[in-house]
PDB file of all heavy atoms in Angstrom:
ATOM      1  N   GLY A   1     -14.792  84.595  54.654  1.00  0.00           N
ATOM      2  CA  GLY A   1     -15.387  83.621  53.722  1.00  0.00           C
ATOM      3  C   GLY A   1     -15.959  84.324  52.462  1.00  0.00           C
ATOM      4  O   GLY A   1     -15.929  85.540  52.388  1.00  0.00           O
ATOM      5  N   PHE A   2     -16.454  83.529  51.591  1.00  0.00           N
ATOM      6  CA  PHE A   2     -17.118  84.050  50.354  1.00  0.00           C
ATOM      7  C   PHE A   2     -18.379  83.329  50.200  1.00  0.00           C
ATOM      8  O   PHE A   2     -18.655  82.320  50.704  1.00  0.00           O
ATOM      9  CB  PHE A   2     -16.177  83.900  49.150  1.00  0.00           C
ATOM     10  CG  PHE A   2     -15.792  82.480  48.730  1.00  0.00           C
ATOM     11  CD1 PHE A   2     -16.734  81.636  48.145  1.00  0.00           C
ATOM     12  CD2 PHE A   2     -14.489  82.076  49.012  1.00  0.00           C
ATOM     13  CE1 PHE A   2     -16.378  80.350  47.745  1.00  0.00           C
ATOM     14  CE2 PHE A   2     -14.142  80.743  48.578  1.00  0.00           C
ATOM     15  CZ  PHE A   2     -15.072  79.850  47.981  1.00  0.00           C
ATOM     16  N   ALA A   3     -19.224  84.024  49.304  1.00  0.00           N
ATOM     17  CA  ALA A   3     -20.534  83.469  49.043  1.00  0.00           C
ATOM     18  C   ALA A   3     -20.786  83.760  47.539  1.00  0.00           C
ATOM     19  O   ALA A   3     -20.285  84.725  46.962  1.00  0.00           O
ATOM     20  CB  ALA A   3     -21.638  84.096  49.832  1.00  0.00           C
ATOM     21  N   PHE A   4     -21.630  82.983  46.943  1.00  0.00           N
ATOM     22  CA  PHE A   4     -22.024  83.193  45.541  1.00  0.00           C
ATOM     23  C   PHE A   4     -23.449  82.662  45.336  1.00  0.00           C
ATOM     24  O   PHE A   4     -23.964  81.813  46.159  1.00  0.00           O
ATOM     25  CB  PHE A   4     -21.092  82.512  44.557  1.00  0.00           C
ATOM     26  CG  PHE A   4     -20.878  81.022  44.801  1.00  0.00           C
ATOM     27  CD1 PHE A   4     -21.791  80.083  44.325  1.00  0.00           C
ATOM     28  CD2 PHE A   4     -19.877  80.551  45.615  1.00  0.00           C
ATOM     29  CE1 PHE A   4     -21.573  78.736  44.463  1.00  0.00           C
ATOM     30  CE2 PHE A   4     -19.682  79.207  45.853  1.00  0.00           C
ATOM     31  CZ  PHE A   4     -20.607  78.295  45.343  1.00  0.00           C
ATOM     32  N   GLY A   5     -24.154  83.117  44.300  1.00  0.00           N
ATOM     33  CA  GLY A   5     -25.455  82.617  44.040  1.00  0.00           C
ATOM     34  C   GLY A   5     -25.864  82.838  42.548  1.00  0.00           C
ATOM     35  O   GLY A   5     -25.428  83.681  41.950  1.00  0.00           O
ATOM     36  N   MET A   6     -26.628  81.839  42.088  1.00  0.00           N
ATOM     37  CA  MET A   6     -27.103  81.921  40.679  1.00  0.00           C
ATOM     38  C   MET A   6     -28.468  81.362  40.551  1.00  0.00           C
ATOM     39  O   MET A   6     -28.998  80.537  41.430  1.00  0.00           O
ATOM     40  CB  MET A   6     -26.150  81.089  39.814  1.00  0.00           C
ATOM     41  CG  MET A   6     -26.215  79.580  40.060  1.00  0.00           C
ATOM     42  SD  MET A   6     -24.816  78.715  39.344  1.00  0.00           S
ATOM     43  CE  MET A   6     -23.664  78.731  40.680  1.00  0.00           C
ATOM     44  N   GLY A   7     -29.221  81.809  39.528  1.00  0.00           N
ATOM     45  CA  GLY A   7     -30.549  81.329  39.239  1.00  0.00           C
ATOM     46  C   GLY A   7     -30.371  80.060  38.318  1.00  0.00           C
ATOM     47  O   GLY A   7     -29.737  80.137  37.347  1.00  0.00           O
ATOM     48  N   ILE A   8     -31.071  78.961  38.748  1.00  0.00           N
ATOM     49  CA  ILE A   8     -30.839  77.690  38.008  1.00  0.00           C
ATOM     50  C   ILE A   8     -31.571  77.800  36.662  1.00  0.00           C
ATOM     51  O   ILE A   8     -31.061  77.326  35.666  1.00  0.00           O
ATOM     52  CB  ILE A   8     -31.461  76.540  38.816  1.00  0.00           C
ATOM     53  CG1 ILE A   8     -30.665  76.374  40.192  1.00  0.00           C
ATOM     54  CG2 ILE A   8     -31.320  75.182  38.005  1.00  0.00           C
ATOM     55  CD1 ILE A   8     -31.189  75.312  41.067  1.00  0.00           C
ATOM     56  N   GLU A   9     -32.718  78.457  36.586  1.00  0.00           N
ATOM     57  CA  GLU A   9     -33.426  78.562  35.298  1.00  0.00           C
ATOM     58  C   GLU A   9     -32.516  79.236  34.252  1.00  0.00           C
ATOM     59  O   GLU A   9     -32.531  78.872  33.092  1.00  0.00           O
ATOM     60  CB  GLU A   9     -34.726  79.309  35.456  1.00  0.00           C
ATOM     61  CG  GLU A   9     -35.855  78.569  35.998  1.00  0.00           C
ATOM     62  CD  GLU A   9     -35.868  78.589  37.529  1.00  0.00           C
ATOM     63  OE1 GLU A   9     -34.873  78.969  38.149  1.00  0.00           O
ATOM     64  OE2 GLU A   9     -36.896  78.064  38.149  1.00  0.00           O
ATOM     65  N   ARG A  10     -31.852  80.275  34.695  1.00  0.00           N
ATOM     66  CA  ARG A  10     -30.986  81.030  33.791  1.00  0.00           C
ATOM     67  C   ARG A  10     -29.850  80.071  33.230  1.00  0.00           C
ATOM     68  O   ARG A  10     -29.559  80.090  31.972  1.00  0.00           O
ATOM     69  CB  ARG A  10     -30.336  82.178  34.560  1.00  0.00           C
ATOM     70  CG  ARG A  10     -29.384  83.048  33.698  1.00  0.00           C
ATOM     71  CD  ARG A  10     -30.130  84.002  32.809  1.00  0.00           C
ATOM     72  NE  ARG A  10     -29.282  84.805  31.976  1.00  0.00           N
ATOM     73  CZ  ARG A  10     -28.766  85.944  32.402  1.00  0.00           C
ATOM     74  NH1 ARG A  10     -28.991  86.402  33.513  1.00  0.00           N
ATOM     75  NH2 ARG A  10     -27.966  86.630  31.570  1.00  0.00           N
ATOM     76  N   ILE A  11     -29.330  79.236  34.021  1.00  0.00           N
ATOM     77  CA  ILE A  11     -28.261  78.311  33.639  1.00  0.00           C
ATOM     78  C   ILE A  11     -28.911  77.297  32.624  1.00  0.00           C
ATOM     79  O   ILE A  11     -28.249  76.926  31.571  1.00  0.00           O
ATOM     80  CB  ILE A  11     -27.603  77.589  34.837  1.00  0.00           C
ATOM     81  CG1 ILE A  11     -27.061  78.670  35.808  1.00  0.00           C
ATOM     82  CG2 ILE A  11     -26.577  76.643  34.360  1.00  0.00           C
ATOM     83  CD1 ILE A  11     -25.970  79.454  35.254  1.00  0.00           C
ATOM     84  N   VAL A  12     -30.017  76.784  32.931  1.00  0.00           N
ATOM     85  CA  VAL A  12     -30.746  75.775  32.051  1.00  0.00           C
ATOM     86  C   VAL A  12     -30.949  76.409  30.691  1.00  0.00           C
ATOM     87  O   VAL A  12     -30.752  75.817  29.582  1.00  0.00           O
ATOM     88  CB  VAL A  12     -32.026  75.288  32.732  1.00  0.00           C
ATOM     89  CG1 VAL A  12     -32.689  74.276  31.705  1.00  0.00           C
ATOM     90  CG2 VAL A  12     -31.778  74.612  34.012  1.00  0.00           C
ATOM     91  N   MET A  13     -31.462  77.646  30.724  1.00  0.00           N
ATOM     92  CA  MET A  13     -31.767  78.390  29.463  1.00  0.00           C
ATOM     93  C   MET A  13     -30.509  78.589  28.591  1.00  0.00           C
ATOM     94  O   MET A  13     -30.504  78.454  27.368  1.00  0.00           O
ATOM     95  CB  MET A  13     -32.389  79.673  29.765  1.00  0.00           C
ATOM     96  CG  MET A  13     -33.860  79.531  30.346  1.00  0.00           C
ATOM     97  SD  MET A  13     -34.487  81.104  30.922  1.00  0.00           S
ATOM     98  CE  MET A  13     -34.953  81.894  29.443  1.00  0.00           C
ATOM     99  N   LEU A  14     -29.332  78.732  29.261  1.00  0.00           N
ATOM    100  CA  LEU A  14     -28.136  78.959  28.550  1.00  0.00           C
ATOM    101  C   LEU A  14     -27.645  77.630  27.976  1.00  0.00           C
ATOM    102  O   LEU A  14     -27.329  77.589  26.791  1.00  0.00           O
ATOM    103  CB  LEU A  14     -27.051  79.512  29.471  1.00  0.00           C
ATOM    104  CG  LEU A  14     -27.236  80.961  29.955  1.00  0.00           C
ATOM    105  CD1 LEU A  14     -26.173  81.238  30.975  1.00  0.00           C
ATOM    106  CD2 LEU A  14     -27.210  81.898  28.839  1.00  0.00           C
ATOM    107  N   LEU A  15     -27.685  76.565  28.768  1.00  0.00           N
ATOM    108  CA  LEU A  15     -27.180  75.268  28.361  1.00  0.00           C
ATOM    109  C   LEU A  15     -27.979  74.644  27.209  1.00  0.00           C
ATOM    110  O   LEU A  15     -27.479  73.996  26.326  1.00  0.00           O
ATOM    111  CB  LEU A  15     -27.086  74.302  29.537  1.00  0.00           C
ATOM    112  CG  LEU A  15     -25.995  74.585  30.566  1.00  0.00           C
ATOM    113  CD1 LEU A  15     -26.227  73.678  31.765  1.00  0.00           C
ATOM    114  CD2 LEU A  15     -24.606  74.460  30.000  1.00  0.00           C
ATOM    115  N   HIS A  16     -29.305  74.913  27.208  1.00  0.00           N
ATOM    116  CA  HIS A  16     -30.201  74.298  26.283  1.00  0.00           C
ATOM    117  C   HIS A  16     -30.897  75.245  25.305  1.00  0.00           C
ATOM    118  O   HIS A  16     -31.776  74.816  24.546  1.00  0.00           O
ATOM    119  CB  HIS A  16     -31.200  73.437  27.009  1.00  0.00           C
ATOM    120  CG  HIS A  16     -30.660  72.335  27.806  1.00  0.00           C
ATOM    121  ND1 HIS A  16     -30.157  71.195  27.308  1.00  0.00           N
ATOM    122  CD2 HIS A  16     -30.574  72.292  29.217  1.00  0.00           C
ATOM    123  CE1 HIS A  16     -29.714  70.424  28.327  1.00  0.00           C
ATOM    124  NE2 HIS A  16     -30.006  71.068  29.440  1.00  0.00           N
ATOM    125  N   GLN A  17     -30.271  76.454  25.277  1.00  0.00           N
ATOM    126  CA  GLN A  17     -30.774  77.515  24.327  1.00  0.00           C
ATOM    127  C   GLN A  17     -32.291  77.675  24.362  1.00  0.00           C
ATOM    128  O   GLN A  17     -32.969  77.584  23.273  1.00  0.00           O
ATOM    129  CB  GLN A  17     -30.350  77.110  22.886  1.00  0.00           C
ATOM    130  CG  GLN A  17     -28.751  77.057  22.773  1.00  0.00           C
ATOM    131  CD  GLN A  17     -28.150  78.437  22.942  1.00  0.00           C
ATOM    132  OE1 GLN A  17     -28.252  79.289  22.053  1.00  0.00           O
ATOM    133  NE2 GLN A  17     -27.462  78.642  24.026  1.00  0.00           N
ATOM    134  N   MET A  18     -32.960  77.812  25.527  1.00  0.00           N
ATOM    135  CA  MET A  18     -34.297  77.993  25.707  1.00  0.00           C
ATOM    136  C   MET A  18     -34.629  79.471  25.885  1.00  0.00           C
ATOM    137  O   MET A  18     -33.908  80.153  26.581  1.00  0.00           O
ATOM    138  CB  MET A  18     -34.795  77.200  26.909  1.00  0.00           C
ATOM    139  CG  MET A  18     -34.559  75.716  26.734  1.00  0.00           C
ATOM    140  SD  MET A  18     -34.948  74.734  28.294  1.00  0.00           S
ATOM    141  CE  MET A  18     -36.690  74.969  28.335  1.00  0.00           C
ATOM    142  N   GLY A  19     -35.618  79.961  25.236  1.00  0.00           N
ATOM    143  CA  GLY A  19     -35.852  81.411  25.165  1.00  0.00           C
ATOM    144  C   GLY A  19     -36.967  81.894  26.071  1.00  0.00           C
ATOM    145  O   GLY A  19     -37.235  83.114  26.083  1.00  0.00           O
ATOM    146  N   ASP A  20     -37.651  80.989  26.814  1.00  0.00           N
ATOM    147  CA  ASP A  20     -38.801  81.424  27.601  1.00  0.00           C
ATOM    148  C   ASP A  20     -38.833  80.718  28.956  1.00  0.00           C
ATOM    149  O   ASP A  20     -38.943  79.515  29.039  1.00  0.00           O
ATOM    150  CB  ASP A  20     -40.114  81.208  26.881  1.00  0.00           C
ATOM    151  CG  ASP A  20     -41.303  81.985  27.476  1.00  0.00           C
ATOM    152  OD1 ASP A  20     -41.327  82.188  28.701  1.00  0.00           O
ATOM    153  OD2 ASP A  20     -42.121  82.468  26.714  1.00  0.00           O
ATOM    154  N   ILE A  21     -38.631  81.534  30.074  1.00  0.00           N
ATOM    155  CA  ILE A  21     -38.592  80.919  31.403  1.00  0.00           C
ATOM    156  C   ILE A  21     -39.945  80.282  31.781  1.00  0.00           C
ATOM    157  O   ILE A  21     -39.982  79.324  32.659  1.00  0.00           O
ATOM    158  CB  ILE A  21     -38.142  81.934  32.416  1.00  0.00           C
ATOM    159  CG1 ILE A  21     -37.766  81.262  33.741  1.00  0.00           C
ATOM    160  CG2 ILE A  21     -39.294  82.958  32.677  1.00  0.00           C
ATOM    161  CD1 ILE A  21     -37.207  82.234  34.749  1.00  0.00           C
ATOM    162  N   ARG A  22     -41.028  80.711  31.188  1.00  0.00           N
ATOM    163  CA  ARG A  22     -42.347  80.153  31.543  1.00  0.00           C
ATOM    164  C   ARG A  22     -42.547  78.657  31.197  1.00  0.00           C
ATOM    165  O   ARG A  22     -43.302  78.005  31.657  1.00  0.00           O
ATOM    166  CB  ARG A  22     -43.487  81.040  30.902  1.00  0.00           C
ATOM    167  CG  ARG A  22     -43.604  82.430  31.426  1.00  0.00           C
ATOM    168  CD  ARG A  22     -44.399  83.308  30.632  1.00  0.00           C
ATOM    169  NE  ARG A  22     -43.827  83.601  29.296  1.00  0.00           N
ATOM    170  CZ  ARG A  22     -44.313  84.535  28.401  1.00  0.00           C
ATOM    171  NH1 ARG A  22     -45.321  85.269  28.748  1.00  0.00           N
ATOM    172  NH2 ARG A  22     -43.711  84.712  27.331  1.00  0.00           N
ATOM    173  N   MET A  23     -41.742  78.274  30.276  1.00  0.00           N
ATOM    174  CA  MET A  23     -41.821  76.818  29.815  1.00  0.00           C
ATOM    175  C   MET A  23     -41.521  75.926  30.939  1.00  0.00           C
ATOM    176  O   MET A  23     -41.999  74.747  30.947  1.00  0.00           O
ATOM    177  CB  MET A  23     -40.789  76.619  28.644  1.00  0.00           C
ATOM    178  CG  MET A  23     -41.063  77.387  27.441  1.00  0.00           C
ATOM    179  SD  MET A  23     -39.791  77.246  26.165  1.00  0.00           S
ATOM    180  CE  MET A  23     -40.045  75.536  25.699  1.00  0.00           C
ATOM    181  N   PHE A  24     -40.706  76.302  31.953  1.00  0.00           N
ATOM    182  CA  PHE A  24     -40.368  75.414  33.030  1.00  0.00           C
ATOM    183  C   PHE A  24     -41.526  75.101  33.989  1.00  0.00           C
ATOM    184  O   PHE A  24     -41.544  74.168  34.745  1.00  0.00           O
ATOM    185  CB  PHE A  24     -39.245  76.051  33.945  1.00  0.00           C
ATOM    186  CG  PHE A  24     -37.922  76.209  33.157  1.00  0.00           C
ATOM    187  CD1 PHE A  24     -37.393  77.414  33.022  1.00  0.00           C
ATOM    188  CD2 PHE A  24     -37.352  75.078  32.578  1.00  0.00           C
ATOM    189  CE1 PHE A  24     -36.203  77.561  32.337  1.00  0.00           C
ATOM    190  CE2 PHE A  24     -36.124  75.212  31.873  1.00  0.00           C
ATOM    191  CZ  PHE A  24     -35.500  76.445  31.764  1.00  0.00           C
ATOM    192  N   PHE A  25     -42.597  75.921  33.950  1.00  0.00           N
ATOM    193  CA  PHE A  25     -43.665  75.835  34.835  1.00  0.00           C
ATOM    194  C   PHE A  25     -44.998  75.462  34.231  1.00  0.00           C
ATOM    195  O   PHE A  25     -46.039  75.286  34.853  1.00  0.00           O
ATOM    196  CB  PHE A  25     -43.858  77.179  35.612  1.00  0.00           C
ATOM    197  CG  PHE A  25     -42.615  77.597  36.358  1.00  0.00           C
ATOM    198  CD1 PHE A  25     -41.769  78.485  35.764  1.00  0.00           C
ATOM    199  CD2 PHE A  25     -42.373  77.057  37.655  1.00  0.00           C
ATOM    200  CE1 PHE A  25     -40.603  78.901  36.456  1.00  0.00           C
ATOM    201  CE2 PHE A  25     -41.214  77.504  38.281  1.00  0.00           C
ATOM    202  CZ  PHE A  25     -40.347  78.355  37.685  1.00  0.00           C
ATOM    203  N   GLU A  26     -44.957  75.262  32.897  1.00  0.00           N
ATOM    204  CA  GLU A  26     -46.246  74.920  32.108  1.00  0.00           C
ATOM    205  C   GLU A  26     -46.496  73.375  32.033  1.00  0.00           C
ATOM    206  O   GLU A  26     -47.548  73.020  31.692  1.00  0.00           O
ATOM    207  CB  GLU A  26     -46.151  75.509  30.724  1.00  0.00           C
ATOM    208  CG  GLU A  26     -46.157  77.065  30.718  1.00  0.00           C
ATOM    209  CD  GLU A  26     -45.931  77.625  29.331  1.00  0.00           C
ATOM    210  OE1 GLU A  26     -45.545  76.840  28.456  1.00  0.00           O
ATOM    211  OE2 GLU A  26     -46.123  78.817  29.138  1.00  0.00           O
ATOM    212  N   ASN A  27     -45.496  72.559  32.475  1.00  0.00           N
ATOM    213  CA  ASN A  27     -45.684  71.121  32.351  1.00  0.00           C
ATOM    214  C   ASN A  27     -46.154  70.614  31.028  1.00  0.00           C
ATOM    215  O   ASN A  27     -46.988  69.730  30.923  1.00  0.00           O
ATOM    216  CB  ASN A  27     -46.620  70.672  33.451  1.00  0.00           C
ATOM    217  CG  ASN A  27     -46.156  70.867  34.916  1.00  0.00           C
ATOM    218  OD1 ASN A  27     -44.950  70.689  35.085  1.00  0.00           O
ATOM    219  ND2 ASN A  27     -46.979  71.249  35.796  1.00  0.00           N
ATOM    220  N   ASP A  28     -45.610  71.160  29.952  1.00  0.00           N
ATOM    221  CA  ASP A  28     -45.865  70.791  28.601  1.00  0.00           C
ATOM    222  C   ASP A  28     -45.019  69.517  28.342  1.00  0.00           C
ATOM    223  O   ASP A  28     -43.832  69.633  28.297  1.00  0.00           O
ATOM    224  CB  ASP A  28     -45.569  71.913  27.649  1.00  0.00           C
ATOM    225  CG  ASP A  28     -46.041  71.577  26.226  1.00  0.00           C
ATOM    226  OD1 ASP A  28     -46.119  70.382  25.848  1.00  0.00           O
ATOM    227  OD2 ASP A  28     -46.400  72.564  25.530  1.00  0.00           O
ATOM    228  N   LYS A  29     -45.690  68.426  28.062  1.00  0.00           N
ATOM    229  CA  LYS A  29     -44.946  67.121  27.900  1.00  0.00           C
ATOM    230  C   LYS A  29     -44.042  67.203  26.673  1.00  0.00           C
ATOM    231  O   LYS A  29     -43.029  66.550  26.626  1.00  0.00           O
ATOM    232  CB  LYS A  29     -45.928  66.040  27.831  1.00  0.00           C
ATOM    233  CG  LYS A  29     -46.601  65.654  29.096  1.00  0.00           C
ATOM    234  CD  LYS A  29     -47.636  64.509  28.975  1.00  0.00           C
ATOM    235  CE  LYS A  29     -46.957  63.256  28.531  1.00  0.00           C
ATOM    236  NZ  LYS A  29     -47.941  62.194  28.414  1.00  0.00           N
ATOM    237  N   ARG A  30     -44.440  68.001  25.673  1.00  0.00           N
ATOM    238  CA  ARG A  30     -43.615  68.086  24.494  1.00  0.00           C
ATOM    239  C   ARG A  30     -42.269  68.652  24.793  1.00  0.00           C
ATOM    240  O   ARG A  30     -41.265  68.260  24.165  1.00  0.00           O
ATOM    241  CB  ARG A  30     -44.343  68.922  23.442  1.00  0.00           C
ATOM    242  CG  ARG A  30     -45.618  68.314  22.899  1.00  0.00           C
ATOM    243  CD  ARG A  30     -46.336  69.342  22.022  1.00  0.00           C
ATOM    244  NE  ARG A  30     -46.752  70.540  22.830  1.00  0.00           N
ATOM    245  CZ  ARG A  30     -47.361  71.621  22.290  1.00  0.00           C
ATOM    246  NH1 ARG A  30     -47.659  71.554  21.013  1.00  0.00           N
ATOM    247  NH2 ARG A  30     -47.742  72.591  23.044  1.00  0.00           N
ATOM    248  N   MET A  31     -42.184  69.568  25.738  1.00  0.00           N
ATOM    249  CA  MET A  31     -40.899  70.106  26.126  1.00  0.00           C
ATOM    250  C   MET A  31     -40.176  69.214  27.021  1.00  0.00           C
ATOM    251  O   MET A  31     -38.986  68.921  26.888  1.00  0.00           O
ATOM    252  CB  MET A  31     -41.098  71.485  26.833  1.00  0.00           C
ATOM    253  CG  MET A  31     -39.818  72.195  27.132  1.00  0.00           C
ATOM    254  SD  MET A  31     -39.045  71.747  28.702  1.00  0.00           S
ATOM    255  CE  MET A  31     -40.038  72.562  29.849  1.00  0.00           C
ATOM    256  N   LEU A  32     -40.877  68.598  27.997  1.00  0.00           N
ATOM    257  CA  LEU A  32     -40.192  67.728  29.016  1.00  0.00           C
ATOM    258  C   LEU A  32     -39.625  66.437  28.352  1.00  0.00           C
ATOM    259  O   LEU A  32     -38.637  65.978  28.843  1.00  0.00           O
ATOM    260  CB  LEU A  32     -41.208  67.426  30.101  1.00  0.00           C
ATOM    261  CG  LEU A  32     -41.750  68.588  30.974  1.00  0.00           C
ATOM    262  CD1 LEU A  32     -42.780  68.173  31.899  1.00  0.00           C
ATOM    263  CD2 LEU A  32     -40.627  69.289  31.675  1.00  0.00           C
ATOM    264  N   GLU A  33     -40.305  65.938  27.369  1.00  0.00           N
ATOM    265  CA  GLU A  33     -39.870  64.678  26.778  1.00  0.00           C
ATOM    266  C   GLU A  33     -38.565  64.825  26.073  1.00  0.00           C
ATOM    267  O   GLU A  33     -37.902  63.826  25.770  1.00  0.00           O
ATOM    268  CB  GLU A  33     -40.923  64.168  25.780  1.00  0.00           C
ATOM    269  CG  GLU A  33     -42.165  63.562  26.517  1.00  0.00           C
ATOM    270  CD  GLU A  33     -43.233  63.148  25.524  1.00  0.00           C
ATOM    271  OE1 GLU A  33     -43.121  63.549  24.313  1.00  0.00           O
ATOM    272  OE2 GLU A  33     -44.155  62.508  25.912  1.00  0.00           O
ATOM    273  N   GLN A  34     -38.120  66.048  25.762  1.00  0.00           N
ATOM    274  CA  GLN A  34     -36.785  66.252  25.088  1.00  0.00           C
ATOM    275  C   GLN A  34     -35.676  65.854  26.042  1.00  0.00           C
ATOM    276  O   GLN A  34     -34.540  65.700  25.589  1.00  0.00           O
ATOM    277  CB  GLN A  34     -36.724  67.767  24.674  1.00  0.00           C
ATOM    278  CG  GLN A  34     -37.712  68.187  23.634  1.00  0.00           C
ATOM    279  CD  GLN A  34     -37.652  69.634  23.349  1.00  0.00           C
ATOM    280  OE1 GLN A  34     -36.543  70.107  22.852  1.00  0.00           O
ATOM    281  NE2 GLN A  34     -38.654  70.441  23.518  1.00  0.00           N
ATOM    282  N   PHE A  35     -35.939  65.794  27.330  1.00  0.00           N
ATOM    283  CA  PHE A  35     -34.826  65.501  28.304  1.00  0.00           C
ATOM    284  C   PHE A  35     -34.796  64.062  28.764  1.00  0.00           C
ATOM    285  O   PHE A  35     -34.048  63.783  29.691  1.00  0.00           O
ATOM    286  CB  PHE A  35     -35.051  66.426  29.492  1.00  0.00           C
ATOM    287  CG  PHE A  35     -34.907  67.907  29.154  1.00  0.00           C
ATOM    288  CD1 PHE A  35     -36.039  68.650  28.695  1.00  0.00           C
ATOM    289  CD2 PHE A  35     -33.687  68.530  29.145  1.00  0.00           C
ATOM    290  CE1 PHE A  35     -35.947  69.949  28.347  1.00  0.00           C
ATOM    291  CE2 PHE A  35     -33.597  69.841  28.755  1.00  0.00           C
ATOM    292  CZ  PHE A  35     -34.700  70.572  28.442  1.00  0.00           C
ATOM    293  N   LYS A  36     -35.517  63.170  28.072  1.00  0.00           N
ATOM    294  CA  LYS A  36     -35.544  61.776  28.464  1.00  0.00           C
ATOM    295  C   LYS A  36     -34.201  61.129  28.451  1.00  0.00           C
ATOM    296  O   LYS A  36     -33.829  60.242  29.159  1.00  0.00           O
ATOM    297  CB  LYS A  36     -36.506  61.014  27.598  1.00  0.00           C
ATOM    298  CG  LYS A  36     -38.018  61.126  28.155  1.00  0.00           C
ATOM    299  CD  LYS A  36     -38.935  60.218  27.388  1.00  0.00           C
ATOM    300  CE  LYS A  36     -40.319  60.306  27.916  1.00  0.00           C
ATOM    301  NZ  LYS A  36     -41.289  59.387  27.232  1.00  0.00           N
ATOM    302  N   SER A  37     -33.388  61.527  27.443  1.00  0.00           N
ATOM    303  CA  SER A  37     -32.101  60.865  27.242  1.00  0.00           C
ATOM    304  C   SER A  37     -30.987  61.459  28.018  1.00  0.00           C
ATOM    305  O   SER A  37     -29.881  60.948  27.959  1.00  0.00           O
ATOM    306  CB  SER A  37     -31.746  60.991  25.742  1.00  0.00           C
ATOM    307  OG  SER A  37     -31.643  62.366  25.355  1.00  0.00           O
ATOM    308  N   LEU A  38     -31.367  62.507  28.848  1.00  0.00           N
ATOM    309  CA  LEU A  38     -30.258  63.165  29.601  1.00  0.00           C
ATOM    310  C   LEU A  38     -30.066  62.535  30.936  1.00  0.00           C
ATOM    311  O   LEU A  38     -30.961  61.911  31.496  1.00  0.00           O
ATOM    312  CB  LEU A  38     -30.558  64.641  29.762  1.00  0.00           C
ATOM    313  CG  LEU A  38     -30.667  65.484  28.409  1.00  0.00           C
ATOM    314  CD1 LEU A  38     -30.982  66.935  28.808  1.00  0.00           C
ATOM    315  CD2 LEU A  38     -29.288  65.398  27.689  1.00  0.00           C
TER     316      LEU A  38
END
C-alpha cells in the first residue's frame, strides 16, 4: 500500500495567498469574513 500526508494550513495559504499561519488561530473577524462567499 501507499500513504501520503499534508498540512491543511499550508494548502490554504497557497490557495488564498496568505502569508502568516497565525491568522488561522486569532479569530479575527476581518479575516474570516472574507470567506463568506465561498
